[in-house]
N, C-alpha and C. Protein backbone atom coordinates (compact mmCIF):
# COMPACT_ATOMS: atom_id res chain seq x y z
N HIS A 1 -15.43 -10.31 3.91
CA HIS A 1 -15.21 -9.71 2.24
C HIS A 1 -16.56 -9.76 2.21
N VAL A 2 -16.45 -8.55 1.09
CA VAL A 2 -18.13 -7.89 1.05
C VAL A 2 -18.44 -9.02 -0.75
N TRP A 3 -17.37 -9.77 -1.12
CA TRP A 3 -17.72 -9.97 -2.20
C TRP A 3 -17.86 -11.40 -1.59
N ASN A 4 -17.96 -12.22 -0.41
CA ASN A 4 -18.56 -13.38 -0.48
C ASN A 4 -19.78 -13.87 0.06
N ASN A 5 -20.40 -12.57 0.05
CA ASN A 5 -21.70 -12.10 0.68
C ASN A 5 -22.70 -13.25 -0.24
N LYS A 6 -23.79 -13.66 0.41
CA LYS A 6 -24.15 -14.60 -0.18
C LYS A 6 -25.50 -13.92 -0.86
N ARG A 7 -26.22 -13.17 -0.60
CA ARG A 7 -27.09 -12.37 -0.69
C ARG A 7 -26.62 -11.03 -1.93
N PRO A 8 -27.36 -11.65 -3.14
CA PRO A 8 -27.34 -10.87 -4.40
C PRO A 8 -27.38 -9.25 -4.45
N ALA A 9 -28.13 -8.78 -3.25
CA ALA A 9 -28.47 -7.70 -3.57
C ALA A 9 -27.77 -6.67 -2.57
N ARG A 10 -26.84 -7.44 -2.02
CA ARG A 10 -26.21 -6.97 -0.80
C ARG A 10 -24.60 -6.85 -2.01
N LEU A 11 -24.52 -7.74 -2.79
CA LEU A 11 -23.15 -7.56 -3.35
C LEU A 11 -23.50 -6.51 -4.71
N ALA A 12 -24.85 -6.54 -5.67
CA ALA A 12 -25.03 -5.43 -6.28
C ALA A 12 -25.08 -3.88 -5.52
N LYS A 13 -25.17 -4.13 -3.95
CA LYS A 13 -25.20 -2.62 -4.21
C LYS A 13 -23.61 -2.53 -3.66
N ALA A 14 -22.70 -3.36 -3.23
CA ALA A 14 -21.26 -3.30 -3.28
C ALA A 14 -20.64 -3.00 -4.35
N ILE A 15 -21.26 -3.75 -5.61
CA ILE A 15 -20.46 -3.20 -6.62
C ILE A 15 -21.38 -1.54 -6.92
N GLU A 16 -22.05 -1.41 -7.10
CA GLU A 16 -22.52 0.02 -7.13
C GLU A 16 -21.67 1.10 -6.36
N ALA A 17 -21.40 1.01 -4.78
CA ALA A 17 -20.59 1.62 -4.49
C ALA A 17 -19.25 1.53 -5.03
N PHE A 18 -18.50 0.34 -5.19
CA PHE A 18 -16.98 0.92 -5.58
C PHE A 18 -17.28 1.42 -7.12
N GLU A 19 -18.46 0.81 -7.60
CA GLU A 19 -18.04 1.65 -9.32
C GLU A 19 -18.28 3.34 -8.75
N LYS A 20 -18.90 3.76 -8.11
CA LYS A 20 -19.04 5.45 -7.17
C LYS A 20 -18.20 6.06 -7.17
N ALA A 21 -17.06 4.67 -6.31
CA ALA A 21 -15.95 5.55 -5.96
C ALA A 21 -14.82 5.54 -7.11
N LEU A 22 -14.97 4.74 -8.15
CA LEU A 22 -14.23 4.80 -8.98
C LEU A 22 -14.64 5.90 -10.39
N GLU A 23 -15.48 6.43 -9.89
CA GLU A 23 -16.67 7.47 -10.85
C GLU A 23 -15.76 8.82 -10.06
N LEU A 24 -15.72 8.50 -8.95
CA LEU A 24 -14.99 9.89 -8.34
C LEU A 24 -13.49 10.13 -8.20
N GLY A 25 -12.91 8.95 -8.42
CA GLY A 25 -11.36 9.53 -9.31
C GLY A 25 -10.50 8.36 -8.17
N THR A 26 -11.00 7.96 -7.61
CA THR A 26 -10.60 6.76 -6.75
C THR A 26 -10.04 5.57 -8.05
N ASP A 27 -8.49 5.48 -7.53
CA ASP A 27 -7.36 4.88 -8.13
C ASP A 27 -6.27 4.05 -7.33
N ASP A 28 -7.00 3.32 -6.52
CA ASP A 28 -6.16 2.72 -5.78
C ASP A 28 -6.88 1.07 -5.75
N TYR A 29 -5.28 0.53 -5.57
CA TYR A 29 -5.56 -1.11 -5.62
C TYR A 29 -6.60 -2.05 -4.93
N GLY A 30 -6.76 -1.50 -3.51
CA GLY A 30 -7.78 -2.06 -2.73
C GLY A 30 -9.18 -1.65 -3.37
N THR A 31 -9.74 -0.39 -3.93
CA THR A 31 -10.78 -0.50 -4.69
C THR A 31 -10.63 -1.29 -5.94
N HIS A 32 -10.01 -1.29 -6.54
CA HIS A 32 -9.92 -2.19 -8.52
C HIS A 32 -10.16 -3.70 -7.82
N PHE A 33 -9.06 -4.13 -6.88
CA PHE A 33 -9.29 -5.55 -6.45
C PHE A 33 -10.43 -5.88 -5.70
N THR A 34 -11.12 -5.20 -5.39
CA THR A 34 -12.58 -5.40 -4.41
C THR A 34 -13.30 -5.22 -5.37
N LEU A 35 -13.85 -4.90 -6.10
CA LEU A 35 -14.77 -4.19 -7.28
C LEU A 35 -14.45 -5.99 -8.36
N ALA A 36 -13.07 -5.67 -8.12
CA ALA A 36 -13.00 -7.47 -9.26
C ALA A 36 -13.24 -8.85 -8.90
N ARG A 37 -13.39 -8.88 -7.71
CA ARG A 37 -13.81 -9.48 -6.95
C ARG A 37 -15.13 -10.05 -6.78
N CYS A 38 -15.41 -8.85 -6.43
CA CYS A 38 -17.15 -8.87 -6.60
C CYS A 38 -17.74 -9.17 -7.96
N TYR A 39 -17.28 -8.43 -8.81
CA TYR A 39 -17.50 -8.49 -10.28
C TYR A 39 -17.61 -10.52 -10.63
N HIS A 40 -16.16 -10.95 -9.96
CA HIS A 40 -15.69 -12.17 -10.26
C HIS A 40 -17.21 -13.05 -9.27
N GLN A 41 -17.46 -12.84 -8.07
CA GLN A 41 -18.16 -12.90 -7.59
C GLN A 41 -19.73 -13.21 -7.63
N ALA A 42 -20.31 -12.21 -9.13
CA ALA A 42 -21.77 -12.37 -9.21
C ALA A 42 -21.40 -12.65 -10.56
N ALA A 43 -20.55 -13.13 -11.19
CA ALA A 43 -19.83 -13.68 -12.55
C ALA A 43 -20.49 -15.52 -12.08
N GLN A 44 -19.38 -15.56 -11.17
CA GLN A 44 -19.72 -17.33 -10.99
C GLN A 44 -21.00 -17.56 -10.26
N LYS A 45 -21.70 -16.62 -9.71
CA LYS A 45 -23.03 -17.07 -9.31
C LYS A 45 -23.62 -16.87 -10.20
N SER A 46 -23.48 -15.91 -11.48
CA SER A 46 -25.08 -15.65 -12.92
C SER A 46 -24.37 -17.40 -13.41
N ALA A 47 -22.96 -17.61 -14.02
CA ALA A 47 -22.84 -18.75 -14.45
C ALA A 47 -23.53 -20.24 -13.84
N ALA A 48 -23.10 -20.37 -12.30
CA ALA A 48 -23.88 -21.40 -11.55
C ALA A 48 -25.33 -21.18 -12.08
N ALA A 49 -26.22 -20.89 -11.69
CA ALA A 49 -27.64 -20.58 -12.13
C ALA A 49 -27.93 -20.33 -13.84
N GLY A 50 -26.94 -20.83 -14.53
CA GLY A 50 -27.28 -20.96 -15.91
C GLY A 50 -27.56 -19.56 -16.65
N LYS A 51 -27.30 -18.60 -15.95
CA LYS A 51 -27.11 -17.02 -17.04
C LYS A 51 -25.86 -17.21 -17.24
N GLU A 52 -25.89 -16.12 -18.25
CA GLU A 52 -24.92 -15.15 -18.91
C GLU A 52 -23.73 -14.35 -18.04
N ALA A 53 -22.63 -15.23 -18.02
CA ALA A 53 -21.38 -14.36 -17.32
C ALA A 53 -20.79 -13.94 -17.72
N LYS A 54 -20.55 -13.73 -19.23
CA LYS A 54 -19.32 -13.14 -20.08
C LYS A 54 -19.22 -11.84 -19.58
N PRO A 55 -20.29 -10.80 -19.91
CA PRO A 55 -19.83 -9.46 -19.02
C PRO A 55 -19.38 -9.20 -17.90
N GLU A 56 -19.93 -10.00 -16.71
CA GLU A 56 -19.31 -9.97 -15.17
C GLU A 56 -18.00 -10.16 -15.44
N PHE A 57 -17.50 -11.79 -16.13
CA PHE A 57 -16.13 -11.84 -16.33
C PHE A 57 -15.20 -11.15 -16.53
N ASP A 58 -15.71 -9.83 -17.75
CA ASP A 58 -14.90 -9.35 -18.85
C ASP A 58 -14.93 -7.95 -17.83
N LYS A 59 -15.08 -7.71 -16.97
CA LYS A 59 -15.56 -6.64 -15.67
C LYS A 59 -14.44 -7.28 -15.36
N ALA A 60 -14.61 -8.19 -14.45
CA ALA A 60 -13.88 -8.35 -13.53
C ALA A 60 -12.36 -9.25 -14.02
N VAL A 61 -12.06 -9.45 -15.06
CA VAL A 61 -10.72 -9.28 -15.53
C VAL A 61 -10.18 -7.61 -16.03
N ALA A 62 -11.03 -6.71 -16.24
CA ALA A 62 -10.75 -5.63 -16.05
C ALA A 62 -10.30 -4.88 -15.16
N GLU A 63 -10.88 -4.80 -14.01
CA GLU A 63 -10.62 -4.49 -12.73
C GLU A 63 -9.65 -5.41 -12.08
N TYR A 64 -9.31 -6.66 -12.03
CA TYR A 64 -7.93 -7.21 -11.96
C TYR A 64 -6.44 -6.81 -12.47
N LEU A 65 -6.96 -6.46 -13.38
CA LEU A 65 -6.02 -5.59 -14.25
C LEU A 65 -5.51 -4.33 -13.88
N GLN A 66 -6.19 -3.54 -13.49
CA GLN A 66 -6.11 -2.44 -12.98
C GLN A 66 -5.75 -2.23 -12.25
N ALA A 67 -6.17 -3.09 -10.83
CA ALA A 67 -5.32 -3.28 -9.68
C ALA A 67 -4.38 -3.88 -9.50
N ARG A 68 -4.10 -4.46 -10.37
CA ARG A 68 -1.70 -4.83 -11.08
C ARG A 68 -1.25 -3.59 -11.55
N ARG A 69 -2.36 -2.78 -12.24
CA ARG A 69 -1.53 -1.72 -12.94
C ARG A 69 -0.87 -1.01 -11.85
N VAL A 70 -1.90 -0.81 -10.90
CA VAL A 70 -1.93 0.31 -9.88
C VAL A 70 -0.23 -0.68 -8.83
N PHE A 71 -0.42 -1.57 -8.36
CA PHE A 71 -0.08 -2.39 -7.77
C PHE A 71 0.90 -3.80 -8.26
N PRO A 72 1.63 -4.00 -9.14
CA PRO A 72 1.65 -4.69 -10.38
C PRO A 72 2.76 -6.10 -10.04
N ARG A 73 3.33 -5.56 -8.58
CA ARG A 73 4.15 -6.47 -7.92
C ARG A 73 3.19 -7.56 -6.59
N ALA A 74 2.15 -7.27 -6.80
CA ALA A 74 1.35 -7.85 -5.77
C ALA A 74 1.27 -9.60 -5.62
N ILE A 75 1.90 -10.19 -5.01
CA ILE A 75 1.97 -11.32 -4.62
C ILE A 75 2.00 -12.17 -3.79
N TYR A 76 0.55 -11.83 -2.82
CA TYR A 76 0.37 -12.37 -2.00
C TYR A 76 0.31 -13.74 -2.12
N LYS A 77 0.51 -14.72 -1.16
CA LYS A 77 0.36 -16.36 -1.46
C LYS A 77 -1.33 -16.38 -2.06
N ASP A 78 -2.36 -16.21 -0.99
CA ASP A 78 -3.41 -16.47 -1.97
C ASP A 78 -4.54 -15.43 -2.34
N ASP A 79 -4.36 -14.09 -2.42
CA ASP A 79 -5.15 -13.18 -2.48
C ASP A 79 -4.45 -12.56 -3.87
N THR A 80 -4.52 -12.42 -4.64
CA THR A 80 -3.80 -11.82 -5.96
C THR A 80 -4.55 -11.55 -7.41
N PRO A 81 -4.66 -10.25 -7.97
CA PRO A 81 -4.84 -10.30 -8.87
C PRO A 81 -4.60 -11.38 -10.03
N THR A 82 -3.63 -12.09 -10.08
CA THR A 82 -2.88 -12.72 -11.22
C THR A 82 -3.71 -14.01 -10.42
N LYS A 83 -3.57 -14.73 -9.14
CA LYS A 83 -4.20 -15.90 -8.88
C LYS A 83 -5.69 -15.73 -9.71
N TYR A 84 -6.67 -14.70 -9.40
CA TYR A 84 -7.78 -15.26 -10.04
C TYR A 84 -8.14 -14.49 -11.89
N LEU A 85 -7.00 -13.87 -11.63
CA LEU A 85 -6.93 -13.85 -13.52
C LEU A 85 -6.67 -15.92 -14.47
N LEU A 86 -5.37 -16.21 -13.49
CA LEU A 86 -5.50 -17.56 -13.93
C LEU A 86 -6.52 -18.32 -13.62
N GLU A 87 -7.55 -18.06 -12.59
CA GLU A 87 -8.71 -19.48 -12.42
C GLU A 87 -9.66 -18.80 -13.17
N ILE A 88 -9.82 -17.71 -13.49
CA ILE A 88 -10.89 -17.00 -15.15
C ILE A 88 -10.57 -17.81 -16.72
N TYR A 89 -9.01 -17.52 -16.75
CA TYR A 89 -8.25 -17.71 -17.83
C TYR A 89 -8.82 -19.44 -17.69
N LYS A 90 -8.55 -20.08 -16.87
CA LYS A 90 -8.47 -21.64 -16.99
C LYS A 90 -10.19 -22.12 -17.09
N GLU A 91 -10.81 -21.51 -16.70
CA GLU A 91 -12.17 -21.88 -16.27
C GLU A 91 -13.19 -21.51 -17.76
N ARG A 92 -12.55 -20.27 -18.22
CA ARG A 92 -13.09 -19.50 -19.47
C ARG A 92 -12.53 -20.17 -21.07
N GLU A 93 -11.25 -21.36 -20.81
CA GLU A 93 -10.62 -21.90 -21.62
C GLU A 93 -10.10 -21.01 -22.36
N GLN A 94 -9.21 -19.86 -22.02
CA GLN A 94 -8.19 -19.35 -22.69
C GLN A 94 -6.67 -19.44 -22.31
N PRO A 95 -6.38 -20.26 -22.86
CA PRO A 95 -4.63 -20.86 -22.98
C PRO A 95 -3.73 -19.70 -23.05
N GLU A 96 -4.00 -19.25 -24.55
CA GLU A 96 -3.07 -18.19 -24.47
C GLU A 96 -2.84 -17.39 -23.51
N LYS A 97 -4.29 -16.45 -22.71
CA LYS A 97 -4.03 -15.87 -21.81
C LYS A 97 -3.12 -15.90 -20.09
N TYR A 98 -3.76 -17.85 -20.17
CA TYR A 98 -3.84 -18.54 -18.94
C TYR A 98 -1.93 -18.63 -19.17
N VAL A 99 -1.15 -19.03 -20.24
CA VAL A 99 0.14 -19.08 -19.99
C VAL A 99 0.84 -17.62 -20.16
N ALA A 100 0.27 -16.75 -20.71
CA ALA A 100 0.57 -15.03 -20.55
C ALA A 100 0.53 -14.65 -18.96
N GLU A 101 -0.23 -15.50 -18.34
CA GLU A 101 -0.29 -14.76 -16.76
C GLU A 101 0.32 -15.68 -15.82
N LEU A 102 0.82 -16.77 -16.42
CA LEU A 102 1.80 -18.04 -15.57
C LEU A 102 2.64 -17.52 -15.80
N GLU A 103 3.46 -16.68 -17.13
CA GLU A 103 4.69 -16.25 -17.13
C GLU A 103 4.83 -15.01 -16.70
N TYR A 104 3.96 -13.84 -16.59
CA TYR A 104 3.92 -12.59 -15.75
C TYR A 104 4.11 -13.14 -14.24
N LEU A 105 3.83 -14.57 -13.88
CA LEU A 105 3.32 -14.63 -11.83
C LEU A 105 5.12 -14.84 -12.09
N VAL A 106 5.82 -15.76 -13.11
CA VAL A 106 7.32 -16.34 -12.49
C VAL A 106 8.31 -15.36 -12.70
N SER A 107 7.68 -14.24 -13.88
CA SER A 107 8.43 -12.97 -13.53
C SER A 107 8.73 -12.16 -12.44
N ILE A 108 7.88 -12.48 -11.79
CA ILE A 108 7.39 -10.91 -10.04
C ILE A 108 7.74 -12.17 -9.08
N ALA A 109 7.25 -13.46 -8.87
CA ALA A 109 7.33 -14.76 -8.27
C ALA A 109 9.00 -15.29 -8.04
N GLU A 110 10.34 -14.38 -7.43
CA GLU A 110 10.91 -15.23 -7.31
C GLU A 110 10.90 -16.86 -7.03
N SER A 111 10.44 -16.90 -6.19
CA SER A 111 10.53 -18.45 -5.37
C SER A 111 9.13 -19.15 -5.40
N ASP A 112 8.71 -18.89 -6.32
CA ASP A 112 7.42 -19.94 -7.38
C ASP A 112 7.66 -21.04 -8.14
N PHE A 113 7.72 -22.18 -7.22
CA PHE A 113 8.27 -23.80 -7.54
C PHE A 113 7.21 -23.47 -8.69
N PRO A 114 6.16 -23.88 -7.80
CA PRO A 114 4.85 -24.78 -8.27
C PRO A 114 4.36 -24.49 -9.99
N HIS A 115 4.26 -23.20 -10.05
CA HIS A 115 4.30 -22.58 -11.37
C HIS A 115 4.64 -22.78 -12.15
N ARG A 116 6.43 -22.82 -11.77
CA ARG A 116 7.44 -23.23 -12.89
C ARG A 116 7.64 -24.15 -13.66
N MET A 117 7.21 -25.41 -12.58
CA MET A 117 6.86 -26.40 -12.99
C MET A 117 5.47 -26.44 -13.94
N GLU A 118 4.62 -26.01 -13.64
CA GLU A 118 3.81 -26.04 -14.66
C GLU A 118 3.77 -25.35 -15.92
N LEU A 119 4.42 -24.30 -15.88
CA LEU A 119 5.02 -24.14 -17.21
C LEU A 119 5.83 -24.73 -18.29
N ALA A 120 6.69 -25.70 -17.06
CA ALA A 120 7.85 -26.42 -17.53
C ALA A 120 6.51 -27.52 -18.63
N LYS A 121 5.60 -28.24 -18.03
CA LYS A 121 4.42 -28.79 -18.74
C LYS A 121 4.04 -28.78 -19.70
N ILE A 122 3.07 -27.24 -19.28
CA ILE A 122 3.22 -26.36 -20.88
C ILE A 122 4.31 -26.14 -21.97
N TYR A 123 4.95 -25.99 -21.38
CA TYR A 123 5.98 -26.02 -22.59
C TYR A 123 6.12 -27.55 -23.30
N ARG A 124 6.84 -28.35 -22.43
CA ARG A 124 6.82 -29.40 -22.95
C ARG A 124 6.20 -29.89 -24.14
N GLN A 125 4.53 -29.84 -23.28
CA GLN A 125 3.56 -30.37 -24.25
C GLN A 125 3.19 -29.54 -25.23
N GLU A 126 3.91 -28.22 -25.62
CA GLU A 126 3.77 -27.38 -26.98
C GLU A 126 4.76 -27.31 -27.99
N GLY A 127 6.08 -28.71 -27.40
CA GLY A 127 7.09 -28.46 -28.23
C GLY A 127 8.23 -27.25 -28.02
N LYS A 128 7.84 -26.71 -27.19
CA LYS A 128 8.84 -25.47 -26.92
C LYS A 128 10.06 -26.06 -25.26
N THR A 129 10.98 -26.73 -26.33
CA THR A 129 12.51 -27.19 -25.40
C THR A 129 12.67 -26.23 -24.38
N ASP A 130 13.17 -25.16 -25.37
CA ASP A 130 14.17 -24.54 -24.54
C ASP A 130 13.73 -23.71 -23.48
N LYS A 131 12.35 -23.17 -23.64
CA LYS A 131 11.37 -22.68 -22.27
C LYS A 131 11.14 -23.61 -21.53
N MET A 132 10.72 -24.56 -22.27
CA MET A 132 10.53 -25.82 -20.74
C MET A 132 12.14 -25.73 -19.92
N VAL A 133 13.14 -26.36 -20.38
CA VAL A 133 14.76 -26.15 -20.20
C VAL A 133 14.97 -25.07 -18.90
N ALA A 134 14.43 -23.71 -19.56
CA ALA A 134 14.75 -22.65 -18.58
C ALA A 134 13.84 -22.34 -17.42
N MET A 135 12.58 -23.37 -17.19
CA MET A 135 11.99 -23.01 -16.53
C MET A 135 12.23 -24.14 -15.50
N LEU A 136 12.44 -25.41 -16.33
CA LEU A 136 13.27 -26.28 -14.95
C LEU A 136 14.47 -25.72 -14.24
N GLU A 137 15.35 -25.73 -15.27
CA GLU A 137 16.54 -25.06 -14.36
C GLU A 137 16.72 -23.84 -13.13
N GLN A 138 15.36 -22.83 -13.68
CA GLN A 138 14.85 -22.08 -12.10
C GLN A 138 13.84 -22.83 -11.22
N ALA A 139 13.53 -24.22 -11.51
CA ALA A 139 13.34 -24.33 -10.08
C ALA A 139 14.14 -25.48 -9.24
N ILE A 140 14.89 -25.90 -9.83
CA ILE A 140 16.47 -26.59 -9.69
C ILE A 140 16.83 -25.62 -8.34
N TRP A 141 16.76 -24.44 -8.35
CA TRP A 141 17.37 -23.06 -8.11
C TRP A 141 16.67 -23.00 -6.56
N ILE A 142 15.19 -22.86 -6.47
CA ILE A 142 14.46 -22.91 -5.77
C ILE A 142 14.14 -23.88 -5.02
N GLU A 143 14.23 -25.22 -5.55
CA GLU A 143 14.16 -26.28 -4.22
C GLU A 143 15.43 -27.54 -5.04
N PRO A 144 16.66 -27.04 -4.77
CA PRO A 144 17.92 -27.71 -5.00
C PRO A 144 18.15 -29.17 -3.78
N VAL A 145 17.34 -29.15 -3.16
CA VAL A 145 17.80 -30.29 -1.59
C VAL A 145 16.52 -30.81 -1.83
N GLY A 146 15.31 -30.75 -1.40
CA GLY A 146 14.16 -31.16 -1.20
C GLY A 146 13.18 -31.67 -2.25
N GLY A 147 14.08 -31.87 -3.60
CA GLY A 147 13.55 -33.23 -4.34
C GLY A 147 12.71 -32.06 -5.09
N MET A 148 12.24 -32.65 -6.16
CA MET A 148 11.33 -32.06 -7.55
C MET A 148 9.66 -32.44 -7.31
N ARG A 149 9.27 -31.57 -6.95
CA ARG A 149 7.43 -32.40 -7.49
C ARG A 149 7.43 -32.19 -8.49
N SER A 150 6.76 -33.49 -9.16
CA SER A 150 5.74 -33.02 -10.67
C SER A 150 4.64 -32.56 -10.53
N VAL A 151 4.16 -31.52 -11.80
CA VAL A 151 2.95 -31.00 -11.69
C VAL A 151 2.03 -31.49 -11.19
N GLU A 152 1.84 -32.61 -10.78
CA GLU A 152 0.32 -33.51 -10.37
C GLU A 152 0.89 -33.39 -8.87
N GLY A 153 1.73 -32.70 -8.15
CA GLY A 153 2.22 -33.00 -6.81
C GLY A 153 2.53 -34.34 -6.42
N GLY A 154 2.74 -35.30 -6.61
CA GLY A 154 2.77 -36.41 -5.85
C GLY A 154 4.44 -37.06 -5.89
N LEU A 155 5.45 -36.49 -6.89
CA LEU A 155 6.53 -36.99 -6.49
C LEU A 155 7.30 -36.11 -5.76
N ARG A 156 7.99 -37.12 -4.41
CA ARG A 156 8.58 -36.58 -3.44
C ARG A 156 9.55 -37.71 -3.68
N THR A 157 10.91 -37.00 -3.45
CA THR A 157 11.98 -38.52 -3.02
C THR A 157 13.20 -37.70 -2.34
N LYS A 158 13.70 -39.12 -1.45
CA LYS A 158 14.75 -38.34 -0.55
C LYS A 158 16.18 -39.33 -1.57
N THR A 159 16.22 -40.26 -2.70
CA THR A 159 16.92 -40.31 -4.01
C THR A 159 17.36 -39.87 -5.21
N ARG A 160 16.33 -38.85 -5.33
CA ARG A 160 16.62 -37.90 -6.21
C ARG A 160 16.69 -36.79 -6.42
N ARG A 161 17.21 -36.26 -6.49
CA ARG A 161 17.73 -34.21 -5.99
C ARG A 161 18.29 -33.69 -7.57
N GLY A 162 17.85 -32.19 -7.46
CA GLY A 162 18.51 -31.01 -8.46
C GLY A 162 18.11 -31.72 -9.92
N PRO A 163 18.79 -31.83 -10.64
CA PRO A 163 18.57 -32.15 -11.90
C PRO A 163 18.54 -33.79 -12.27
N GLU A 164 19.07 -34.79 -11.26
CA GLU A 164 18.94 -36.17 -11.36
C GLU A 164 16.69 -36.34 -11.50
N ALA A 165 16.56 -35.45 -10.40
CA ALA A 165 15.15 -35.30 -10.43
C ALA A 165 14.44 -34.81 -11.53
N ILE A 166 14.65 -33.96 -11.91
CA ILE A 166 14.03 -33.06 -12.76
C ILE A 166 14.04 -34.14 -14.20
N SER A 167 15.02 -34.58 -14.30
CA SER A 167 15.15 -35.64 -15.49
C SER A 167 14.46 -37.06 -15.12
N PHE A 168 14.54 -37.22 -14.13
CA PHE A 168 13.49 -38.56 -13.67
C PHE A 168 11.91 -37.69 -13.83
N TRP A 169 11.33 -36.78 -13.58
CA TRP A 169 10.40 -35.91 -13.40
C TRP A 169 10.08 -36.19 -15.27
N LEU A 170 10.92 -35.59 -16.14
CA LEU A 170 10.88 -35.52 -17.53
C LEU A 170 10.29 -37.19 -17.76
N MET A 171 11.34 -38.06 -17.59
CA MET A 171 10.71 -39.51 -18.26
C MET A 171 9.16 -39.72 -17.63
N ARG A 172 8.90 -39.44 -16.21
CA ARG A 172 8.02 -39.69 -15.77
C ARG A 172 6.39 -38.94 -16.37
N GLU A 173 6.80 -37.74 -17.17
CA GLU A 173 5.91 -37.31 -17.52
C GLU A 173 5.43 -37.81 -18.84
N LYS A 174 6.62 -38.24 -19.69
CA LYS A 174 6.43 -39.05 -20.85
C LYS A 174 7.49 -39.49 -21.40
N PRO A 175 7.55 -40.23 -22.15
CA PRO A 175 8.82 -41.06 -23.01
C PRO A 175 9.46 -39.15 -24.03
N PHE A 176 10.63 -38.99 -24.00
CA PHE A 176 10.92 -37.96 -24.46
C PHE A 176 12.23 -38.21 -25.50
N THR A 177 12.56 -37.27 -26.36
CA THR A 177 13.62 -37.47 -27.48
C THR A 177 14.59 -37.02 -27.12
N SER A 178 15.87 -37.53 -28.36
CA SER A 178 17.21 -36.93 -27.75
C SER A 178 17.27 -34.99 -27.95
N SER A 179 16.40 -34.99 -28.70
CA SER A 179 16.12 -33.08 -28.75
C SER A 179 15.91 -32.71 -27.35
N VAL A 180 15.28 -32.99 -26.48
CA VAL A 180 15.10 -32.65 -25.17
C VAL A 180 16.30 -33.20 -24.31
N CYS A 181 16.47 -34.07 -24.35
CA CYS A 181 18.14 -34.55 -24.06
C CYS A 181 18.94 -34.06 -23.65
N GLN A 182 19.26 -33.50 -24.93
CA GLN A 182 20.59 -32.89 -25.40
C GLN A 182 20.44 -30.98 -24.65
N PRO A 183 19.46 -30.50 -24.54
CA PRO A 183 19.35 -29.27 -23.83
C PRO A 183 19.34 -29.21 -22.17
N PHE A 184 18.92 -30.37 -21.98
CA PHE A 184 18.56 -31.09 -20.41
C PHE A 184 20.56 -31.01 -19.84
N ALA A 185 20.86 -31.60 -20.99
CA ALA A 185 22.58 -32.40 -20.38
C ALA A 185 23.69 -31.18 -20.12
N THR A 186 22.61 -29.81 -20.78
CA THR A 186 23.52 -28.40 -20.47
C THR A 186 23.25 -28.31 -18.81
N VAL A 187 21.85 -28.04 -18.89
CA VAL A 187 21.33 -27.75 -17.48
C VAL A 187 22.17 -28.77 -16.50
N ARG A 188 22.33 -30.13 -16.77
CA ARG A 188 22.77 -30.79 -15.85
C ARG A 188 24.18 -30.43 -15.60
N GLU A 189 25.26 -30.37 -16.57
CA GLU A 189 26.48 -30.17 -16.11
C GLU A 189 26.93 -28.61 -15.52
N SER A 190 26.01 -28.12 -16.22
CA SER A 190 26.02 -26.36 -15.38
C SER A 190 26.04 -26.61 -13.74
N HIS A 191 24.70 -27.44 -13.39
CA HIS A 191 24.84 -27.78 -11.79
C HIS A 191 25.50 -28.52 -11.22
N GLU A 192 25.84 -29.42 -11.94
CA GLU A 192 27.21 -30.92 -11.42
C GLU A 192 28.30 -29.47 -10.74
N LYS A 193 28.45 -28.53 -11.73
CA LYS A 193 29.88 -28.08 -11.53
C LYS A 193 29.58 -27.40 -10.38
N VAL A 194 28.69 -26.50 -9.79
CA VAL A 194 28.06 -25.93 -8.52
C VAL A 194 28.58 -26.86 -7.15
């Protein structure tokens, strides 16, 4: 991959070539995504060297968004615009954009369990009980038998399943009030009927 090149001169030439392709009218996923990866790599190298990296990060974000515009449902396992946008927003401490990107991801990735659990935890911390319960309810259907995993990735149990595992997760994360218990009781009842 061109963006993994250790030599700054080669990375600069790659950026120049992809920018030229865009100037000539190319508008495809591969060009935008690869240029974004090049900008991202250049930004990381600048940041590691103690140099100003914001312009390169901004260019990377713009190109990731262009790649997603061309191919909005790109949810490959490890190499997607959304994965790298999440990385940038987290590194640059942009929580609103991070949450918006997670929400976008779960809207297109029907079986994405870990990001739903991460959103549930964020919603809980923000006091957004209805949204938290909605994410947990979706998670039940993704992993109904195998037990639930906490956001920290440690909880997997043979004795707690489905709604019971989520209830346990909620208690494990931190004590919660009856206002959280009430909406969750509705989720429990709806799944016990199944």
